[in-house]
Amino acid sequence: VRSTKQQTSTKGEGYLSRMALNDNKAGMEGLDRDKINKIIMESSKGSKFYENELKKEHQVNQRIEKMMLQKAHITEQQLKTAQAQVEMTASELEKSRDLSRVIVHVDMDAFYAAVEMRDCPDLKDKPMAVGSMSMLSTSNYHARKYGVRAAMPGFIAKKLCPHLVIVPCNFDKYKSVSNEIREIFADYDPQFQPVSLDEAYLDFTEHLELRISWPEASRTHRYSSWKQPEHQQESEAKEGFSPVLFEDSPSSSQSLSNSQTADATGKTTEVFGTSVEEAVREMRFRIEQKTMLTASAGIAPNMMLAKVCSDKNKPNGQYRLASNREAVMDFIQNLPVRKVYCILVQKNHKWSSVHPFKMRTCNCVATRFRFSVLFLCAGFRHREGERKDAECSRHQ
C-alpha cells in the first residue's frame, strides 16, 4: 500500500492518479501538468467526484496487487508455454492480415463546442465548454490551453480557468447538425458506422473504385455563400482559417491557388482529385461548407488504426497510414498504449505504473502479452470489459 504522501502526489501517483490531467487530446500539448494537477486535486477534495474517483482507484490498486501476487508464482515452464501460445496466435493473425480495405475515421473537432460557437460568435474567442458544473461534455481549444477538457467536472474547470463560459448541452441541436453531416457520409459509404453524434467509420474502398473514372465535374464543389474567396485572400495569414475554431486551426480548403476556378455565377469552386487523400479532403470540405464546422480524419487499413490516425493532425486535418505491413508495424512500434482507444484508462494506469510490466507502448504489449495468456490460463477472472480489450489486442 502506498504512503499518504504518494497518494496525494500532484504528478498523479497513488489513489489520485485517475484524476491527474489526461492530456491525450488535441490542443492540450505542452501544458504544465504539475501545476494543473495541483489545482485539480485541491479543488476536488471533499467532493462526491473526489470520493468516487478515490474508490475506483482503490479498486484498481487492489487488482494490481492481486496480479503481482499471481506473477510471483509463475514458473519458468509456464512462461515457455505461454510464449509458445503467443507465437502461435501471432502466426495465425499474420496469415489472416488484410490490408485491402481503405477505412476512414471521421471525428468532428470539438463538436458540441463548435456548434455553440457557430451559433453564438461571441464565444469564438473565449474559453468555453459545453456541459454543467457537475460534468463537461467537451471544451473548445481556447479552454484546453488551461487544461479544461471533456469528462471533467465544471467546478474543477472553473478553478483552472475562472473566466470559462459553460454552455448547457442542447442535444436536439447537435442531433440536427449530426444528421446533416451523416447525409454527406452516406455519399461515400452508404453503410457507414456512426460511433456517436460527432464521429463515424467509413469504408472508402468501393467509392475509390468508382471515383477513378469520375469526370472533373463530379469532383467539383462550390463554396457556400458564407465563405467567399476574397475573404480568404484578405491576407496570407488569415487564408483558409476556420470561421469557428480559433486562429491556429488550418482549413481543409487551404492552399487553393492551384485548384480554384470561377463558375458561371462568379462563385468560387474547388476541384478534387481521385486519390483517397483527395476524396477525404473533399468530404471534409463539404462538411465545412454545409455546417461551418470542421472535421479531422484518419485513413488506414482497419478501424482501430484509422481511429488513431484521425487524432494525428487535429484539429481540421487528416493523416493517412499506408496499407502495407512495414508501414503499419513502424506506426505502432512506439505508439503509446493510451492512444489505443480499446484499452481503458485503468489499464493504462496499471500497465504503465507497475514496475514488472511497464507496458507503455504497443510494442511492449506485443512482446509481453504472454503475461495475459498466463493470467487467463491460471483462472484470472477478467471483467467483460477486459475480455473485450484482449480481443481488441488480437485484432490489432
Foldseek 3Di string as FASTA:
>chain_A
DDDPVQCLQLLLGRLRVVQFFDQLAPLQPPAPRSVLSVLSSVQCPPHPVVVVSSVVSVVLVVVLVVLVVVVVPDDPVLLVVLVVVLVVLVVVLVVVDDLQWKKKKKFFAQQQQLLVCVVPVVCQPPWEFEAAQQFTQATASVLSNLSDGGGRHNSSSCSSPVRYHYHYGDVVVLQVLLVVLVVLLCVQAVPWAAPDSGMTMGTNNVVLVVLQPDDQVVQKAFAAPVDAVVVLVPDPLRHQAQSRHDRPAHHLCPPQPVAWDADPVRTIMGTFDRDPQRVVSSSQRVSCRVRSTGMFMEIGSDDQNRQLQSRPDPDRYYYYQDSDPVSVCVVQQFAFPVSRVLQDPSNCVSQCPDPVRNRGGLNSCSVPVSSVVSCVVVPNDDDPSVVVSVVVNSND
